[in-house]
């Protein structure tokens, strides 16, 4: 297949994808990562999730304790009993 035909097919494919694509939808989350301490000023925090689309969204929030060993491997443990959402 010639280079021209390959380029034409690639161009038509890209144009078809752009013409049929829906606008991108995103949700803004701040802060992305936080550290919560057992007591003091770090014992609570506010998480803001902003829906940038007109459609309602469903959220599932699951708290985990994360421990990182000396090799850098993270272990997550559910914290359902110790955190109030």
PDB file of N, CA and C in Angstrom:
ATOM      1  N   UNK A   1       0.859  -1.175   0.000  1.00  0.00           N
ATOM      2  CA  UNK A   1       0.000   0.000   0.000  1.00  0.00           C
ATOM      3  C   UNK A   1       0.903   1.234   0.000  1.00  0.00           C
ATOM      4  N   UNK A   2       0.548   2.216  -0.804  1.00  0.00           N
ATOM      5  CA  UNK A   2       1.396   3.399  -0.916  1.00  0.00           C
ATOM      6  C   UNK A   2       1.291   4.273   0.329  1.00  0.00           C
ATOM      7  N   UNK A   3       2.303   5.130   0.520  1.00  0.00           N
ATOM      8  CA  UNK A   3       2.311   6.039   1.665  1.00  0.00           C
ATOM      9  C   UNK A   3       1.123   6.985   1.610  1.00  0.00           C
ATOM     10  N   UNK A   4       0.731   7.418   0.394  1.00  0.00           N
ATOM     11  CA  UNK A   4      -0.400   8.336   0.255  1.00  0.00           C
ATOM     12  C   UNK A   4      -1.694   7.685   0.736  1.00  0.00           C
ATOM     13  N   UNK A   5      -1.918   6.446   0.356  1.00  0.00           N
ATOM     14  CA  UNK A   5      -3.150   5.747   0.760  1.00  0.00           C
ATOM     15  C   UNK A   5      -3.155   5.538   2.269  1.00  0.00           C
ATOM     16  N   UNK A   6      -2.008   5.148   2.833  1.00  0.00           N
ATOM     17  CA  UNK A   6      -1.929   4.979   4.289  1.00  0.00           C
ATOM     18  C   UNK A   6      -2.220   6.292   5.007  1.00  0.00           C
ATOM     19  N   UNK A   7      -1.655   7.391   4.505  1.00  0.00           N
ATOM     20  CA  UNK A   7      -1.892   8.700   5.122  1.00  0.00           C
ATOM     21  C   UNK A   7      -3.347   9.110   4.990  1.00  0.00           C
ATOM     22  N   UNK A   8      -3.958   8.827   3.836  1.00  0.00           N
ATOM     23  CA  UNK A   8      -5.367   9.175   3.627  1.00  0.00           C
ATOM     24  C   UNK A   8      -6.262   8.383   4.569  1.00  0.00           C
ATOM     25  N   UNK A   9      -5.987   7.094   4.724  1.00  0.00           N
ATOM     26  CA  UNK A   9      -6.786   6.260   5.633  1.00  0.00           C
ATOM     27  C   UNK A   9      -6.626   6.751   7.069  1.00  0.00           C
ATOM     28  N   UNK A  10      -5.398   7.066   7.466  1.00  0.00           N
ATOM     29  CA  UNK A  10      -5.165   7.569   8.821  1.00  0.00           C
ATOM     30  C   UNK A  10      -5.888   8.890   9.041  1.00  0.00           C
ATOM     31  N   UNK A  11      -5.848   9.777   8.057  1.00  0.00           N
ATOM     32  CA  UNK A  11      -6.536  11.064   8.172  1.00  0.00           C
ATOM     33  C   UNK A  11      -8.035  10.912   8.264  1.00  0.00           C
ATOM     34  N   UNK A  12      -8.608  10.041   7.432  1.00  0.00           N
ATOM     35  CA  UNK A  12     -10.055   9.813   7.477  1.00  0.00           C
ATOM     36  C   UNK A  12     -10.473   9.174   8.795  1.00  0.00           C
ATOM     37  N   UNK A  13      -9.669   8.254   9.300  1.00  0.00           N
ATOM     38  CA  UNK A  13      -9.979   7.621  10.584  1.00  0.00           C
ATOM     39  C   UNK A  13      -9.954   8.647  11.710  1.00  0.00           C
ATOM     40  N   UNK A  14      -8.941   9.501  11.718  1.00  0.00           N
ATOM     41  CA  UNK A  14      -8.855  10.541  12.751  1.00  0.00           C
ATOM     42  C   UNK A  14     -10.027  11.504  12.654  1.00  0.00           C
ATOM     43  N   UNK A  15     -10.405  11.894  11.436  1.00  0.00           N
ATOM     44  CA  UNK A  15     -11.532  12.810  11.256  1.00  0.00           C
ATOM     45  C   UNK A  15     -12.832  12.170  11.722  1.00  0.00           C
ATOM     46  N   UNK A  16     -13.019  10.884  11.440  1.00  0.00           N
ATOM     47  CA  UNK A  16     -14.232  10.192  11.875  1.00  0.00           C
ATOM     48  C   UNK A  16     -14.298  10.112  13.394  1.00  0.00           C
ATOM     49  N   UNK A  17     -13.165   9.845  14.027  1.00  0.00           N
ATOM     50  CA  UNK A  17     -13.141   9.777  15.496  1.00  0.00           C
ATOM     51  C   UNK A  17     -13.452  11.131  16.113  1.00  0.00           C
ATOM     52  N   UNK A  18     -12.892  12.190  15.557  1.00  0.00           N
ATOM     53  CA  UNK A  18     -13.142  13.526  16.097  1.00  0.00           C
ATOM     54  C   UNK A  18     -14.580  13.955  15.878  1.00  0.00           C
ATOM     55  N   UNK A  19     -15.158  13.599  14.749  1.00  0.00           N
ATOM     56  CA  UNK A  19     -16.526  14.011  14.443  1.00  0.00           C
ATOM     57  C   UNK A  19     -17.540  13.284  15.311  1.00  0.00           C
ATOM     58  N   UNK A  20     -17.226  12.051  15.718  1.00  0.00           N
ATOM     59  CA  UNK A  20     -18.205  11.270  16.473  1.00  0.00           C
ATOM     60  C   UNK A  20     -17.944  11.262  17.969  1.00  0.00           C
ATOM     61  N   UNK A  21     -16.887  11.909  18.408  1.00  0.00           N
ATOM     62  CA  UNK A  21     -16.563  11.854  19.832  1.00  0.00           C
ATOM     63  C   UNK A  21     -17.443  12.806  20.633  1.00  0.00           C
ATOM     64  N   UNK A  22     -17.729  12.404  21.859  1.00  0.00           N
ATOM     65  CA  UNK A  22     -18.494  13.245  22.770  1.00  0.00           C
ATOM     66  C   UNK A  22     -17.526  14.137  23.532  1.00  0.00           C
ATOM     67  N   UNK A  23     -18.010  15.248  24.075  1.00  0.00           N
ATOM     68  CA  UNK A  23     -17.113  16.097  24.856  1.00  0.00           C
ATOM     69  C   UNK A  23     -16.601  15.344  26.078  1.00  0.00           C
ATOM     70  N   UNK A  24     -15.392  15.642  26.473  1.00  0.00           N
ATOM     71  CA  UNK A  24     -14.820  14.961  27.630  1.00  0.00           C
ATOM     72  C   UNK A  24     -15.490  15.451  28.914  1.00  0.00           C
ATOM     73  N   UNK A  25     -15.635  14.539  29.850  1.00  0.00           N
ATOM     74  CA  UNK A  25     -16.275  14.834  31.124  1.00  0.00           C
ATOM     75  C   UNK A  25     -15.246  14.553  32.215  1.00  0.00           C
ATOM     76  N   UNK A  26     -15.171  15.436  33.182  1.00  0.00           N
ATOM     77  CA  UNK A  26     -14.210  15.241  34.263  1.00  0.00           C
ATOM     78  C   UNK A  26     -14.839  15.636  35.585  1.00  0.00           C
ATOM     79  N   UNK A  27     -14.265  15.144  36.634  1.00  0.00           N
ATOM     80  CA  UNK A  27     -14.666  15.499  37.986  1.00  0.00           C
ATOM     81  C   UNK A  27     -13.426  16.039  38.676  1.00  0.00           C
ATOM     82  N   UNK A  28     -13.573  17.141  39.332  1.00  0.00           N
ATOM     83  CA  UNK A  28     -12.448  17.781  40.015  1.00  0.00           C
ATOM     84  C   UNK A  28     -12.435  17.324  41.464  1.00  0.00           C
ATOM     85  N   UNK A  29     -11.307  16.779  41.911  1.00  0.00           N
ATOM     86  CA  UNK A  29     -11.156  16.297  43.285  1.00  0.00           C
ATOM     87  C   UNK A  29      -9.981  17.032  43.918  1.00  0.00           C
ATOM     88  N   UNK A  30     -10.222  17.637  45.085  1.00  0.00           N
ATOM     89  CA  UNK A  30      -9.160  18.348  45.805  1.00  0.00           C
ATOM     90  C   UNK A  30      -9.273  18.065  47.289  1.00  0.00           C
ATOM     91  N   UNK A  31      -8.267  17.696  48.002  1.00  0.00           N
ATOM     92  CA  UNK A  31      -6.958  17.273  47.510  1.00  0.00           C
ATOM     93  C   UNK A  31      -7.017  15.839  47.015  1.00  0.00           C
ATOM     94  N   UNK A  32      -6.110  15.452  46.136  1.00  0.00           N
ATOM     95  CA  UNK A  32      -6.083  14.090  45.606  1.00  0.00           C
ATOM     96  C   UNK A  32      -5.601  13.104  46.667  1.00  0.00           C
ATOM     97  N   UNK A  33      -4.616  13.497  47.460  1.00  0.00           N
ATOM     98  CA  UNK A  33      -4.075  12.645  48.525  1.00  0.00           C
ATOM     99  C   UNK A  33      -3.951  13.488  49.783  1.00  0.00           C
ATOM    100  N   UNK A  34      -4.313  12.902  50.910  1.00  0.00           N
ATOM    101  CA  UNK A  34      -4.169  13.618  52.173  1.00  0.00           C
ATOM    102  C   UNK A  34      -3.734  12.638  53.257  1.00  0.00           C
ATOM    103  N   UNK A  35      -3.112  13.152  54.278  1.00  0.00           N
ATOM    104  CA  UNK A  35      -2.721  12.347  55.428  1.00  0.00           C
ATOM    105  C   UNK A  35      -3.560  12.793  56.614  1.00  0.00           C
ATOM    106  N   UNK A  36      -4.229  11.837  57.242  1.00  0.00           N
ATOM    107  CA  UNK A  36      -5.079  12.127  58.397  1.00  0.00           C
ATOM    108  C   UNK A  36      -4.398  11.549  59.630  1.00  0.00           C
ATOM    109  N   UNK A  37      -4.255  12.366  60.662  1.00  0.00           N
ATOM    110  CA  UNK A  37      -3.610  11.927  61.901  1.00  0.00           C
ATOM    111  C   UNK A  37      -4.669  11.508  62.920  1.00  0.00           C
ATOM    112  N   UNK A  38      -4.303  10.713  63.936  1.00  0.00           N
ATOM    113  CA  UNK A  38      -5.278  10.250  64.923  1.00  0.00           C
ATOM    114  C   UNK A  38      -5.869  11.366  65.776  1.00  0.00           C
ATOM    115  N   UNK A  39      -5.126  12.459  65.963  1.00  0.00           N
ATOM    116  CA  UNK A  39      -5.634  13.553  66.792  1.00  0.00           C
ATOM    117  C   UNK A  39      -5.002  14.859  66.332  1.00  0.00           C
ATOM    118  N   UNK A  40      -5.489  15.961  66.875  1.00  0.00           N
ATOM    119  CA  UNK A  40      -4.942  17.269  66.536  1.00  0.00           C
ATOM    120  C   UNK A  40      -5.549  17.843  65.263  1.00  0.00           C
ATOM    121  N   UNK A  41      -4.874  18.846  64.705  1.00  0.00           N
ATOM    122  CA  UNK A  41      -5.433  19.544  63.547  1.00  0.00           C
ATOM    123  C   UNK A  41      -5.501  18.672  62.300  1.00  0.00           C
ATOM    124  N   UNK A  42      -4.724  17.595  62.246  1.00  0.00           N
ATOM    125  CA  UNK A  42      -4.762  16.706  61.085  1.00  0.00           C
ATOM    126  C   UNK A  42      -5.761  15.577  61.210  1.00  0.00           C
ATOM    127  N   UNK A  43      -6.598  15.601  62.274  1.00  0.00           N
ATOM    128  CA  UNK A  43      -7.547  14.515  62.506  1.00  0.00           C
ATOM    129  C   UNK A  43      -8.782  14.610  61.620  1.00  0.00           C
ATOM    130  N   UNK A  44      -8.956  15.726  60.933  1.00  0.00           N
ATOM    131  CA  UNK A  44     -10.076  15.825  59.999  1.00  0.00           C
ATOM    132  C   UNK A  44      -9.649  16.656  58.802  1.00  0.00           C
ATOM    133  N   UNK A  45     -10.372  16.502  57.726  1.00  0.00           N
ATOM    134  CA  UNK A  45     -10.066  17.277  56.529  1.00  0.00           C
ATOM    135  C   UNK A  45     -11.315  17.355  55.665  1.00  0.00           C
ATOM    136  N   UNK A  46     -11.298  18.240  54.713  1.00  0.00           N
ATOM    137  CA  UNK A  46     -12.413  18.405  53.783  1.00  0.00           C
ATOM    138  C   UNK A  46     -11.955  17.957  52.403  1.00  0.00           C
ATOM    139  N   UNK A  47     -12.758  17.112  51.789  1.00  0.00           N
ATOM    140  CA  UNK A  47     -12.510  16.646  50.434  1.00  0.00           C
ATOM    141  C   UNK A  47     -13.571  17.261  49.542  1.00  0.00           C
ATOM    142  N   UNK A  48     -13.163  17.979  48.511  1.00  0.00           N
ATOM    143  CA  UNK A  48     -14.114  18.604  47.607  1.00  0.00           C
ATOM    144  C   UNK A  48     -14.135  17.836  46.292  1.00  0.00           C
ATOM    145  N   UNK A  49     -15.319  17.432  45.877  1.00  0.00           N
ATOM    146  CA  UNK A  49     -15.505  16.784  44.587  1.00  0.00           C
ATOM    147  C   UNK A  49     -16.503  17.622  43.812  1.00  0.00           C
ATOM    148  N   UNK A  50     -16.062  18.154  42.677  1.00  0.00           N
ATOM    149  CA  UNK A  50     -16.919  19.019  41.876  1.00  0.00           C
ATOM    150  C   UNK A  50     -17.251  18.304  40.578  1.00  0.00           C
ATOM    151  N   UNK A  51     -18.540  18.164  40.303  1.00  0.00           N
ATOM    152  CA  UNK A  51     -19.009  17.572  39.063  1.00  0.00           C
ATOM    153  C   UNK A  51     -19.008  18.661  37.997  1.00  0.00           C
ATOM    154  N   UNK A  52     -18.218  18.502  36.955  1.00  0.00           N
ATOM    155  CA  UNK A  52     -18.140  19.509  35.903  1.00  0.00           C
ATOM    156  C   UNK A  52     -19.121  19.241  34.776  1.00  0.00           C
ATOM    157  N   UNK A  53     -19.971  18.243  34.935  1.00  0.00           N
ATOM    158  CA  UNK A  53     -20.955  17.889  33.918  1.00  0.00           C
ATOM    159  C   UNK A  53     -22.354  18.161  34.452  1.00  0.00           C
ATOM    160  N   UNK A  54     -23.330  18.264  33.564  1.00  0.00           N
ATOM    161  CA  UNK A  54     -24.716  18.507  33.971  1.00  0.00           C
ATOM    162  C   UNK A  54     -25.372  17.250  34.544  1.00  0.00           C
ATOM    163  N   UNK A  55     -24.860  16.071  34.201  1.00  0.00           N
ATOM    164  CA  UNK A  55     -25.435  14.819  34.689  1.00  0.00           C
ATOM    165  C   UNK A  55     -24.966  14.540  36.113  1.00  0.00           C
ATOM    166  N   UNK A  56     -25.869  14.061  36.988  1.00  0.00           N
ATOM    167  CA  UNK A  56     -25.461  13.696  38.349  1.00  0.00           C
ATOM    168  C   UNK A  56     -24.473  12.525  38.313  1.00  0.00           C
ATOM    169  N   UNK A  57     -23.633  12.440  39.331  1.00  0.00           N
ATOM    170  CA  UNK A  57     -22.681  11.341  39.430  1.00  0.00           C
ATOM    171  C   UNK A  57     -22.910  10.586  40.734  1.00  0.00           C
ATOM    172  N   UNK A  58     -22.477   9.344  40.765  1.00  0.00           N
ATOM    173  CA  UNK A  58     -22.526   8.528  41.972  1.00  0.00           C
ATOM    174  C   UNK A  58     -21.108   8.388  42.498  1.00  0.00           C
ATOM    175  N   UNK A  59     -20.941   8.592  43.785  1.00  0.00           N
ATOM    176  CA  UNK A  59     -19.622   8.499  44.402  1.00  0.00           C
ATOM    177  C   UNK A  59     -19.581   7.343  45.387  1.00  0.00           C
ATOM    178  N   UNK A  60     -18.462   6.652  45.418  1.00  0.00           N
ATOM    179  CA  UNK A  60     -18.204   5.643  46.438  1.00  0.00           C
ATOM    180  C   UNK A  60     -16.895   6.031  47.102  1.00  0.00           C
ATOM    181  N   UNK A  61     -16.945   6.284  48.385  1.00  0.00           N
ATOM    182  CA  UNK A  61     -15.760   6.707  49.122  1.00  0.00           C
ATOM    183  C   UNK A  61     -15.383   5.604  50.098  1.00  0.00           C
ATOM    184  N   UNK A  62     -14.156   5.123  49.990  1.00  0.00           N
ATOM    185  CA  UNK A  62     -13.675   4.035  50.835  1.00  0.00           C
ATOM    186  C   UNK A  62     -12.368   4.449  51.496  1.00  0.00           C
ATOM    187  N   UNK A  63     -12.359   4.578  52.829  1.00  0.00           N
ATOM    188  CA  UNK A  63     -11.113   4.938  53.509  1.00  0.00           C
ATOM    189  C   UNK A  63     -10.206   3.717  53.697  1.00  0.00           C
ATOM    190  N   UNK A  64      -8.909   3.910  53.485  1.00  0.00           N
ATOM    191  CA  UNK A  64      -7.916   2.858  53.657  1.00  0.00           C
ATOM    192  C   UNK A  64      -6.726   3.395  54.433  1.00  0.00           C
ATOM    193  N   UNK A  65      -6.124   2.524  55.229  1.00  0.00           N
ATOM    194  CA  UNK A  65      -4.832   2.815  55.847  1.00  0.00           C
ATOM    195  C   UNK A  65      -3.788   2.289  54.867  1.00  0.00           C
ATOM    196  N   UNK A  66      -2.804   3.114  54.547  1.00  0.00           N
ATOM    197  CA  UNK A  66      -1.756   2.714  53.609  1.00  0.00           C
ATOM    198  C   UNK A  66      -0.429   2.662  54.352  1.00  0.00           C
ATOM    199  N   UNK A  67       0.230   1.518  54.269  1.00  0.00           N
ATOM    200  CA  UNK A  67       1.563   1.353  54.846  1.00  0.00           C
ATOM    201  C   UNK A  67       2.514   0.992  53.711  1.00  0.00           C
ATOM    202  N   UNK A  68       3.682   1.621  53.702  1.00  0.00           N
ATOM    203  CA  UNK A  68       4.686   1.352  52.673  1.00  0.00           C
ATOM    204  C   UNK A  68       5.891   0.714  53.347  1.00  0.00           C
ATOM    205  N   UNK A  69       6.288  -0.463  52.854  1.00  0.00           N
ATOM    206  CA  UNK A  69       7.434  -1.145  53.465  1.00  0.00           C
ATOM    207  C   UNK A  69       8.751  -0.587  52.913  1.00  0.00           C
ATOM    208  N   UNK A  70       9.874  -1.133  53.381  1.00  0.00           N
ATOM    209  CA  UNK A  70      11.200  -0.638  52.977  1.00  0.00           C
ATOM    210  C   UNK A  70      11.456  -0.798  51.481  1.00  0.00           C
ATOM    211  N   UNK A  71      10.785  -1.758  50.855  1.00  0.00           N
ATOM    212  CA  UNK A  71      10.959  -1.986  49.416  1.00  0.00           C
ATOM    213  C   UNK A  71      10.080  -1.051  48.587  1.00  0.00           C
ATOM    214  N   UNK A  72       9.250  -0.257  49.259  1.00  0.00           N
ATOM    215  CA  UNK A  72       8.382   0.677  48.545  1.00  0.00           C
ATOM    216  C   UNK A  72       7.045   0.098  48.131  1.00  0.00           C
ATOM    217  N   UNK A  73       6.718  -1.081  48.636  1.00  0.00           N
ATOM    218  CA  UNK A  73       5.445  -1.719  48.300  1.00  0.00           C
ATOM    219  C   UNK A  73       4.375  -1.238  49.270  1.00  0.00           C
ATOM    220  N   UNK A  74       3.279  -0.735  48.721  1.00  0.00           N
ATOM    221  CA  UNK A  74       2.183  -0.223  49.551  1.00  0.00           C
ATOM    222  C   UNK A  74       1.191  -1.335  49.866  1.00  0.00           C
ATOM    223  N   UNK A  75       0.734  -1.355  51.117  1.00  0.00           N
ATOM    224  CA  UNK A  75      -0.305  -2.284  51.553  1.00  0.00           C
ATOM    225  C   UNK A  75      -1.480  -1.461  52.046  1.00  0.00           C
ATOM    226  N   UNK A  76      -2.666  -1.730  51.508  1.00  0.00           N
ATOM    227  CA  UNK A  76      -3.871  -0.994  51.892  1.00  0.00           C
ATOM    228  C   UNK A  76      -4.759  -1.878  52.757  1.00  0.00           C
ATOM    229  N   UNK A  77      -5.233  -1.305  53.867  1.00  0.00           N
ATOM    230  CA  UNK A  77      -6.128  -1.999  54.784  1.00  0.00           C
ATOM    231  C   UNK A  77      -7.370  -1.140  54.961  1.00  0.00           C
ATOM    232  N   UNK A  78      -8.543  -1.736  54.799  1.00  0.00           N
ATOM    233  CA  UNK A  78      -9.795  -0.989  54.945  1.00  0.00           C
ATOM    234  C   UNK A  78      -9.905  -0.408  56.347  1.00  0.00           C
ATOM    235  N   UNK A  79     -10.394   0.824  56.445  1.00  0.00           N
ATOM    236  CA  UNK A  79     -10.554   1.518  57.727  1.00  0.00           C
ATOM    237  C   UNK A  79     -12.020   1.862  57.965  1.00  0.00           C
ATOM    238  N   UNK A  80     -12.904   0.901  57.766  1.00  0.00           N
ATOM    239  CA  UNK A  80     -14.343   1.141  57.895  1.00  0.00           C
ATOM    240  C   UNK A  80     -14.768   1.478  59.313  1.00  0.00           C
ATOM    241  N   UNK A  81     -14.112   0.905  60.320  1.00  0.00           N
ATOM    242  CA  UNK A  81     -14.546   1.098  61.700  1.00  0.00           C
ATOM    243  C   UNK A  81     -14.002   2.379  62.323  1.00  0.00           C
ATOM    244  N   UNK A  82     -12.899   2.907  61.812  1.00  0.00           N
ATOM    245  CA  UNK A  82     -12.238   4.033  62.460  1.00  0.00           C
ATOM    246  C   UNK A  82     -12.484   5.387  61.801  1.00  0.00           C
ATOM    247  N   UNK A  83     -13.222   5.415  60.700  1.00  0.00           N
ATOM    248  CA  UNK A  83     -13.438   6.659  59.961  1.00  0.00           C
ATOM    249  C   UNK A  83     -14.928   6.886  59.783  1.00  0.00           C
ATOM    250  N   UNK A  84     -15.371   8.108  60.029  1.00  0.00           N
ATOM    251  CA  UNK A  84     -16.774   8.472  59.824  1.00  0.00           C
ATOM    252  C   UNK A  84     -16.866   9.271  58.538  1.00  0.00           C
ATOM    253  N   UNK A  85     -17.708   8.816  57.636  1.00  0.00           N
ATOM    254  CA  UNK A  85     -17.899   9.530  56.373  1.00  0.00           C
ATOM    255  C   UNK A  85     -19.246  10.201  56.369  1.00  0.00           C
TER     256      UNK A  85
END
